[in-house]
Protein backbone atom coordinates (compact mmCIF):
# COMPACT_ATOMS: atom_id res chain seq x y z
CA MET A 1 -62.40 -10.72 77.20
CA GLY A 2 -62.08 -7.56 76.93
CA LYS A 3 -64.56 -5.25 74.58
CA SER A 4 -61.72 -3.44 73.34
CA LYS A 5 -59.82 -7.05 72.43
CA LYS A 6 -63.18 -8.45 70.62
CA ILE A 7 -63.11 -4.85 68.43
CA PHE A 8 -59.99 -5.44 67.25
CA ILE A 9 -60.84 -9.00 66.16
CA PHE A 10 -63.96 -8.39 64.47
CA VAL A 11 -61.98 -5.26 62.43
CA VAL A 12 -58.97 -8.22 61.69
CA LEU A 13 -61.59 -10.31 60.25
CA ILE A 14 -63.51 -8.03 57.94
CA VAL A 15 -60.01 -7.14 56.77
CA ILE A 16 -59.23 -10.54 55.82
CA LEU A 17 -62.27 -10.74 54.32
CA ILE A 18 -61.98 -7.92 52.62
CA ALA A 19 -58.63 -8.95 51.05
CA ILE A 20 -59.70 -12.58 50.37
CA PHE A 21 -62.77 -11.31 48.24
CA SER A 22 -60.12 -8.46 46.16
CA VAL A 23 -58.31 -11.60 45.24
CA ILE A 24 -61.17 -14.25 44.05
CA ARG A 25 -62.37 -10.91 42.31
CA LYS A 26 -59.12 -10.04 40.24
CA LYS A 27 -58.75 -13.62 39.76
CA ARG A 28 -62.48 -13.63 37.80
CA GLU A 29 -61.24 -10.24 35.83
CA LEU A 30 -58.22 -11.84 34.68
CA ALA A 31 -59.48 -15.20 33.76
CA SER A 32 -62.18 -13.16 31.43
CA PHE A 33 -59.34 -11.54 29.57
CA GLU A 34 -57.85 -13.85 26.49
CA LYS A 35 -54.38 -14.60 26.67
CA PRO A 36 -51.56 -12.98 24.76
CA LYS A 37 -51.00 -15.17 21.39
CA SER A 38 -47.58 -16.07 20.88
CA TYR A 39 -46.72 -15.58 17.43
CA PRO A 40 -44.02 -17.74 15.39
CA LEU A 41 -40.90 -15.93 13.81
CA VAL A 42 -40.78 -15.62 10.29
CA VAL A 43 -37.19 -16.43 9.36
CA ASN A 44 -35.23 -17.34 5.52
CA THR A 45 -33.76 -20.66 5.41
CA PHE A 46 -31.06 -22.85 3.41
CA ASN A 47 -31.36 -26.23 2.36
CA VAL A 48 -28.61 -28.27 4.18
CA LYS A 49 -26.44 -30.35 1.69
CA GLN A 50 -23.43 -32.68 2.12
CA GLY A 51 -20.60 -32.50 -0.41
CA GLU A 52 -17.41 -30.53 -1.06
CA LEU A 53 -16.44 -26.76 -0.87
CA GLU A 54 -13.58 -25.14 -1.50
CA SER A 55 -11.67 -23.43 1.70
CA TYR A 56 -10.33 -20.18 1.85
CA GLN A 57 -8.14 -18.47 3.89
CA LYS A 58 -8.54 -15.05 4.27
CA PHE A 59 -5.77 -12.00 4.13
CA LEU A 60 -5.28 -8.07 3.93
CA GLY A 61 -3.92 -6.94 0.43
CA GLU A 62 -3.40 -3.57 -0.98
CA PHE A 63 -5.08 -2.24 -3.84
CA ARG A 64 -3.32 -0.19 -6.42
CA PRO A 65 -3.49 0.41 -9.99
CA GLU A 66 -1.07 -1.31 -12.30
CA ASN A 67 0.12 2.50 -13.31
CA ASP A 68 0.79 4.73 -10.56
CA ALA A 69 3.03 7.87 -10.29
CA LEU A 70 3.58 9.39 -7.05
CA VAL A 71 5.87 12.50 -8.52
CA SER A 72 8.06 14.40 -6.20
CA SER A 73 10.22 17.51 -7.49
CA LYS A 74 13.92 17.29 -8.00
CA PHE A 75 14.89 20.69 -7.03
CA SER A 76 12.81 23.83 -5.16
CA ALA A 77 10.72 26.45 -7.43
CA THR A 78 7.82 28.11 -7.65
CA VAL A 79 5.20 26.30 -8.97
CA LEU A 80 3.50 27.97 -11.90
CA TYR A 81 0.86 25.34 -12.44
CA VAL A 82 -0.74 22.29 -11.40
CA ALA A 83 -3.61 20.02 -12.55
CA ASN A 84 -6.62 19.77 -9.98
CA GLU A 85 -7.38 16.58 -8.54
CA GLY A 86 -9.54 14.59 -10.68
CA THR A 87 -8.44 15.82 -13.64
CA LYS A 88 -8.30 13.57 -16.41
CA VAL A 89 -5.02 13.17 -18.80
CA LYS A 90 -3.79 11.40 -21.62
CA LYS A 91 0.13 10.12 -22.15
CA GLY A 92 1.96 13.92 -22.87
CA ASP A 93 -0.74 16.14 -21.47
CA LEU A 94 1.05 18.65 -18.75
CA VAL A 95 0.17 18.00 -15.47
CA PHE A 96 2.49 20.82 -13.48
CA LYS A 97 5.26 23.58 -14.62
CA LEU A 98 8.14 24.75 -12.17
CA ASP A 99 9.78 28.23 -12.52
CA SER A 100 12.55 28.21 -14.95
CA SER A 101 14.17 31.06 -14.62
CA ASP A 102 16.78 30.82 -11.71
CA ILE A 103 17.97 27.46 -13.47
CA GLU A 104 18.65 29.49 -16.71
CA SER A 105 19.93 32.06 -14.75
CA ASN A 106 22.30 29.67 -13.04
CA ILE A 107 23.18 27.87 -16.80
CA SER A 108 24.02 31.16 -17.92
CA ALA A 109 26.49 32.04 -15.64
CA LEU A 110 27.93 28.91 -15.13
CA THR A 111 28.18 28.66 -19.14
CA TYR A 112 30.20 32.15 -19.29
CA SER A 113 32.53 30.78 -16.49
CA GLN A 114 33.45 27.62 -18.70
CA LYS A 115 34.29 29.56 -21.73
CA ALA A 116 36.80 31.64 -19.58
CA ILE A 117 38.24 28.23 -17.92
CA LEU A 118 38.65 26.88 -21.77
CA ASP A 119 40.38 30.56 -22.47
CA GLN A 120 42.28 29.74 -19.34
CA ILE A 121 42.88 25.82 -20.93
CA ASP A 122 44.40 26.84 -24.18
CA SER A 123 46.68 29.44 -22.38
CA ALA A 124 48.43 26.79 -20.19
CA LYS A 125 48.66 24.42 -22.87
CA ALA A 126 50.38 26.80 -24.76
CA GLN A 127 52.81 27.22 -21.41
CA VAL A 128 53.28 24.02 -21.58
CA GLU A 129 54.54 23.82 -24.95
CA ALA A 130 57.05 26.42 -24.13
CA SER A 131 58.16 24.77 -21.12
CA ASN A 132 58.95 21.32 -23.01
CA THR A 133 60.83 23.11 -25.63
CA GLN A 134 63.03 24.81 -22.84
CA TYR A 135 63.29 21.32 -21.00
CA ILE A 136 64.11 19.82 -24.08
CA ASN A 137 67.16 22.07 -24.67
CA ALA A 138 67.84 22.26 -20.90
CA LYS A 139 68.05 18.30 -20.80
CA LYS A 140 70.51 18.53 -23.98
CA GLU A 141 72.67 20.85 -22.33
CA TYR A 142 72.80 18.97 -19.08
CA GLU A 143 73.42 15.69 -20.77
CA ARG A 144 76.10 17.91 -23.02
CA TYR A 145 77.95 19.09 -19.83
CA LYS A 146 78.03 15.81 -18.12
CA GLY A 147 80.41 14.82 -21.37
CA LEU A 148 82.36 17.47 -20.76
CA TYR A 149 82.69 17.24 -16.94
CA GLU A 150 84.05 13.99 -17.55
CA LYS A 151 86.78 14.93 -20.29
CA GLU A 152 87.82 17.67 -17.20
CA LEU A 153 86.66 20.87 -20.03
CA ILE A 154 84.62 22.37 -17.38
CA SER A 155 84.37 22.61 -13.52
CA LYS A 156 82.23 20.91 -11.37
CA GLU A 157 80.51 23.97 -10.68
CA GLN A 158 79.97 25.13 -14.17
CA LEU A 159 77.98 21.25 -14.19
CA GLU A 160 76.10 22.02 -11.37
CA ASN A 161 74.56 25.27 -12.40
CA MET A 162 73.66 23.56 -15.72
CA GLU A 163 72.33 20.80 -13.15
CA ASN A 164 70.20 23.71 -11.49
CA LEU A 165 68.82 25.02 -14.96
CA TYR A 166 67.97 21.39 -16.00
CA LYS A 167 65.81 20.88 -12.93
CA GLN A 168 64.08 24.28 -13.32
CA ALA A 169 62.90 23.30 -16.38
CA LEU A 170 61.75 20.01 -15.54
CA ALA A 171 59.79 22.15 -12.80
CA ASN A 172 58.47 24.43 -14.96
CA LYS A 173 57.08 21.83 -17.32
CA GLU A 174 55.59 19.97 -14.55
CA ASN A 175 53.97 23.25 -13.17
CA ALA A 176 52.72 23.95 -16.31
CA LEU A 177 51.16 20.71 -16.91
CA SER A 178 49.26 20.47 -13.47
CA LYS A 179 48.04 23.98 -14.20
CA VAL A 180 46.20 22.62 -17.01
CA LYS A 181 45.00 19.39 -15.31
CA GLN A 182 43.58 21.55 -12.78
CA LEU A 183 42.32 23.80 -15.20
CA GLU A 184 40.60 20.72 -17.19
CA ASP A 185 38.91 19.41 -13.54
CA GLN A 186 37.33 22.79 -13.43
CA ALA A 187 35.78 22.80 -16.70
CA LYS A 188 34.89 19.21 -15.87
CA SER A 189 33.33 20.33 -12.78
CA VAL A 190 31.47 23.30 -14.28
CA ALA A 191 30.24 21.19 -17.47
CA GLY A 192 28.90 18.64 -15.05
CA GLN A 193 27.05 21.40 -13.00
CA ILE A 194 25.45 22.57 -16.30
CA GLU A 195 24.28 19.51 -17.53
CA SER A 196 22.98 18.70 -13.95
CA LEU A 197 20.66 22.06 -14.39
CA LYS A 198 20.20 21.36 -18.29
CA SER A 199 18.32 18.00 -16.65
CA ASN A 200 16.46 20.00 -14.02
CA LEU A 201 15.21 22.19 -16.65
CA ASN A 202 14.20 19.42 -18.33
CA TYR A 203 11.84 18.40 -15.16
CA THR A 204 10.25 21.76 -15.00
CA GLU A 205 7.51 20.49 -16.93
CA TYR A 206 5.89 17.18 -16.01
CA ARG A 207 3.92 15.40 -18.68
CA ALA A 208 1.54 12.58 -17.89
CA PRO A 209 3.73 8.90 -18.50
CA PHE A 210 -0.01 7.02 -18.94
CA ASP A 211 -3.65 7.50 -19.52
CA GLY A 212 -5.23 8.55 -16.03
CA VAL A 213 -6.54 11.09 -13.54
CA VAL A 214 -4.90 13.25 -11.30
CA ALA A 215 -5.71 11.21 -7.92
CA SER A 216 -4.11 13.80 -5.41
CA LYS A 217 -1.89 17.39 -5.50
CA PHE A 218 0.15 18.38 -2.33
CA VAL A 219 1.23 22.05 -4.18
CA ASN A 220 -1.06 24.75 -5.22
CA VAL A 221 -0.15 27.70 -8.29
CA GLY A 222 2.52 29.96 -5.52
CA ASP A 223 3.83 27.32 -3.95
CA VAL A 224 7.42 26.18 -3.26
CA ALA A 225 8.06 22.99 -4.21
CA LEU A 226 10.51 21.25 -2.46
CA ALA A 227 13.33 19.03 -3.46
CA GLY A 228 12.27 15.57 -3.13
CA LYS A 229 8.35 16.34 -1.63
CA PRO A 230 5.39 14.94 -3.83
CA LEU A 231 3.72 17.27 -5.74
CA VAL A 232 1.20 15.10 -7.54
CA GLU A 233 -0.29 10.96 -7.62
CA ILE A 234 -1.36 10.37 -11.09
CA VAL A 235 -3.26 6.82 -10.90
CA GLY A 236 -3.45 5.08 -14.28
CA SER A 237 -6.73 3.52 -16.02
CA GLY A 238 -7.02 0.19 -16.81
CA LYS A 239 -5.76 -3.18 -14.69
CA TYR A 240 -5.82 -2.40 -11.21
CA LEU A 241 -3.21 -4.84 -8.89
CA VAL A 242 -3.52 -6.62 -5.55
CA TYR A 243 -0.32 -7.41 -3.61
CA VAL A 244 -0.66 -9.58 -0.45
CA ASN A 245 1.63 -11.10 2.05
CA VAL A 246 0.65 -14.92 2.61
CA PRO A 247 2.48 -17.54 4.46
CA THR A 248 5.33 -19.19 2.56
CA GLU A 249 3.64 -22.92 3.01
CA LEU A 250 0.21 -21.72 1.17
CA ALA A 251 2.35 -19.32 -1.66
CA LEU A 252 3.69 -22.97 -2.68
CA LYS A 253 0.00 -23.68 -3.70
CA VAL A 254 -0.68 -20.86 -5.73
CA LYS A 255 0.10 -20.72 -9.20
CA LYS A 256 -0.16 -18.16 -12.39
CA GLY A 257 -3.46 -18.17 -13.59
CA ASP A 258 -5.29 -19.30 -10.70
CA VAL A 259 -8.76 -17.17 -9.65
CA GLU A 260 -9.12 -16.47 -6.22
CA LYS A 261 -11.21 -13.61 -4.39
CA VAL A 262 -10.66 -10.38 -3.82
CA SER A 263 -13.99 -8.81 -1.52
CA TYR A 264 -14.38 -4.99 0.03
CA ASN A 265 -17.50 -3.69 1.89
CA GLY A 266 -19.22 -6.94 1.09
CA ARG A 267 -19.07 -6.86 -2.44
CA SER A 268 -16.31 -9.43 -4.07
CA VAL A 269 -14.85 -10.23 -7.51
CA ASP A 270 -12.13 -12.62 -9.02
CA ALA A 271 -8.73 -12.18 -9.31
CA VAL A 272 -6.15 -13.48 -11.22
CA VAL A 273 -2.96 -14.56 -10.25
CA GLU A 274 0.17 -12.98 -12.01
CA ASP A 275 2.95 -14.01 -10.07
CA VAL A 276 3.81 -15.64 -6.71
CA LEU A 277 7.42 -13.68 -5.41
CA GLN A 278 8.49 -16.15 -2.72
CA SER A 279 10.78 -13.66 -1.12
CA ALA A 280 9.90 -16.03 2.13
CA GLN A 281 10.90 -12.86 4.47
CA ASN A 282 9.60 -13.56 7.75
CA ASN A 283 8.18 -17.00 6.27
CA LEU A 284 5.63 -14.86 4.14
CA SER A 285 5.73 -14.61 0.48
CA ILE A 286 4.07 -12.01 -1.69
CA ILE A 287 1.00 -12.81 -4.41
CA LYS A 288 0.13 -10.56 -7.00
CA LEU A 289 -3.40 -10.03 -8.15
CA SER A 290 -5.15 -8.61 -11.03
CA VAL A 291 -8.35 -6.85 -11.50
CA SER A 292 -10.08 -5.59 -14.67
CA ASN A 293 -10.69 -1.60 -13.92
CA ASN A 294 -11.42 -0.28 -10.32
CA PRO A 295 -14.67 -2.86 -9.25
CA PHE A 296 -14.93 -1.07 -6.11
CA ASN A 297 -14.33 2.69 -7.13
CA LEU A 298 -11.61 2.57 -4.25
CA PRO A 299 -8.64 4.86 -4.06
CA ALA A 300 -5.15 3.25 -4.51
CA HIS A 301 -3.40 1.84 -1.75
CA THR A 302 -6.34 0.54 0.13
CA PHE A 303 -6.67 -2.31 1.67
CA VAL A 304 -9.18 -5.23 0.76
CA ASP A 305 -9.96 -8.86 1.93
CA VAL A 306 -8.19 -11.04 -0.42
CA PHE A 307 -9.49 -15.02 -0.24
CA ILE A 308 -6.80 -17.51 -1.03
CA LYS A 309 -7.50 -20.93 -1.93
CA GLU A 310 -6.18 -23.42 0.48
CA GLY A 311 -7.90 -26.77 -0.54
CA LYS A 312 -11.36 -28.56 -0.23
CA CYS A 313 -13.39 -29.48 2.63
CA ASP A 314 -15.93 -32.71 2.87
CA GLY A 315 -18.85 -32.22 5.06
CA PHE A 316 -22.45 -30.57 5.56
CA ILE A 317 -22.74 -27.11 3.49
CA VAL A 318 -24.43 -24.47 5.03
CA HIS A 319 -25.14 -20.72 4.04
CA ALA A 320 -22.04 -18.21 5.46
CA ASN A 321 -24.76 -16.39 7.25
CA SER A 322 -26.52 -19.43 9.21
CA VAL A 323 -23.54 -19.98 11.50
CA VAL A 324 -23.53 -18.18 14.48
CA LYS A 325 -20.99 -17.86 17.49
CA LYS A 326 -22.21 -18.55 20.93
CA VAL A 327 -20.59 -18.30 24.39
CA ASP A 328 -19.92 -22.34 24.33
CA GLY A 329 -19.08 -22.67 20.56
CA TYR A 330 -20.86 -22.17 17.01
CA TYR A 331 -24.18 -23.16 16.42
CA VAL A 332 -26.79 -23.42 13.54
CA ILE A 333 -30.31 -23.27 13.89
CA GLY A 334 -32.44 -26.10 12.03
CA ILE A 335 -35.84 -26.08 11.87
CA LYS A 336 -37.63 -28.96 13.09
CA ASP A 337 -41.49 -29.44 13.49
CA SER A 338 -41.77 -25.63 12.58
CA LYS A 339 -39.77 -24.86 15.72
CA ALA A 340 -36.28 -24.02 16.13
CA HIS A 341 -33.12 -26.48 17.08
CA LEU A 342 -29.78 -25.41 17.97
CA VAL A 343 -27.53 -27.43 16.83
CA PRO A 344 -23.61 -26.95 17.91
CA VAL A 345 -21.22 -27.65 15.21
CA VAL A 346 -17.27 -27.03 13.97
CA VAL A 347 -16.64 -24.78 11.11
CA LYS A 348 -14.28 -26.22 8.80
CA SER A 349 -14.05 -23.86 5.94
CA LYS A 350 -16.10 -20.84 5.15
CA THR A 351 -16.18 -19.04 2.30
CA LEU A 352 -18.45 -14.86 1.41
CA THR A 353 -21.58 -17.14 0.79
CA GLU A 354 -21.26 -20.74 2.13
CA ALA A 355 -19.78 -22.55 5.13
CA CYS A 356 -18.59 -26.16 5.60
CA VAL A 357 -19.05 -28.01 9.05
CA ASP A 358 -19.23 -31.01 11.24
CA GLY A 359 -22.69 -31.73 13.28
CA ASN A 360 -25.53 -33.73 13.58
CA LEU A 361 -26.88 -32.11 10.76
CA SER A 362 -28.33 -35.27 9.18
CA THR A 363 -32.06 -35.09 10.40
CA ILE A 364 -32.03 -31.39 9.81
CA ASP A 365 -33.11 -29.92 5.88
CA LYS A 366 -33.05 -26.24 6.46
CA VAL A 367 -31.35 -23.70 8.51
CA VAL A 368 -32.28 -20.38 9.63
CA VAL A 369 -30.06 -17.44 7.47
CA GLY A 370 -30.14 -14.24 8.85
CA ASP A 371 -27.77 -11.15 10.91
CA GLU A 372 -25.70 -12.29 13.75
CA SER A 373 -28.15 -10.09 16.02
CA LEU A 374 -30.90 -11.84 14.90
CA LEU A 375 -29.49 -15.90 15.37
CA GLN A 376 -28.43 -14.68 18.91
CA ARG A 377 -32.31 -14.20 19.80
CA ILE A 378 -33.85 -17.28 18.78
CA TYR A 379 -33.78 -19.74 21.26
CA GLU A 380 -34.31 -23.61 21.41
CA GLY A 381 -38.14 -24.51 20.78
CA GLN A 382 -39.11 -20.97 19.45
CA LYS A 383 -42.02 -21.37 16.91
CA LEU A 384 -40.56 -20.47 13.13
CA ILE A 385 -42.20 -20.04 9.93
CA GLU A 386 -40.02 -20.32 6.81
CA PHE A 387 -40.56 -17.39 4.61
CA ARG A 388 -38.16 -18.96 1.25
CA GLY A 389 -35.59 -20.84 0.91
CA GLU A 390 -32.19 -19.96 -0.60
CA ASN A 391 -29.19 -22.06 -2.18
């Protein structure tokens, strides 16, 4: 064996020995450190119970006051005054005022025209009387001439001349009557225009029809209010209503006086059924509910969650926030021997606070309560400590 080869083998052995020594020393160092402790997770719990739970279906309903006025202008006019948003008003308080000068000017002009037409009608009626007298006389003469002609006392030409005079008198009478009718129609049209303008004059000032608050204004002083365009919205104080569309088969189970739940942003209140409207359009009916005042301090026409009772459920009752949805289904997290035990369940019904489920919970006394992110992080067998129980 050559000298260089022996040196190479010697170096390799030295490297191997150094590596082995380093590994042994590292293991000894690691062994000298304390292993990190695994601390249990502190959780809230809920006592599992068996029993009945009223089941609800959740829908979206429109929240609005019982008194709600969206006021539009009936004509175009300049805005002279409009109450600001948030202004509290009593019934009869002025809400807005429009410029009435154009309307008053038009009423004055039409009134003058109306008087002129009425004068023409008087003159035309006098003409009717005169033409009627002429017609009566002409008719008598024509009848007399026919008798004379039959006795051959006058010529045919004389009879025809009298007949022409009679027909002319009749035409004059009909023309006079037609003129009166035409003028009377004109007078009626002008009177209608005046009444319409006077009606508009009543709308130049709008006063609150009920106690409430100006929720919205869509114009400012100096703007031109356009016919048919909203000017203000007034929301009444007092009772508020919720309108919700539900399947007709569910609506048939609901009756006046029933108490349902209305919820917004996690807060819920009782709502009383005032009416069930069986319109059945698209197999839907409308349920009208009422609540006192404005419990959520919401603007009109906001959508809220409505929970309508559909029946009762028998099963295990757990907290609504103890049910978690995982990839393969729903679970609750029970506690056995201070460790997490994931139990698959079938959710039969759920309210804002509780859920009715089926599952192997007969040996589980308590389940973990928490938000979705917490429940998703807990794994089977994880150590748990109960912070406090909820019922």
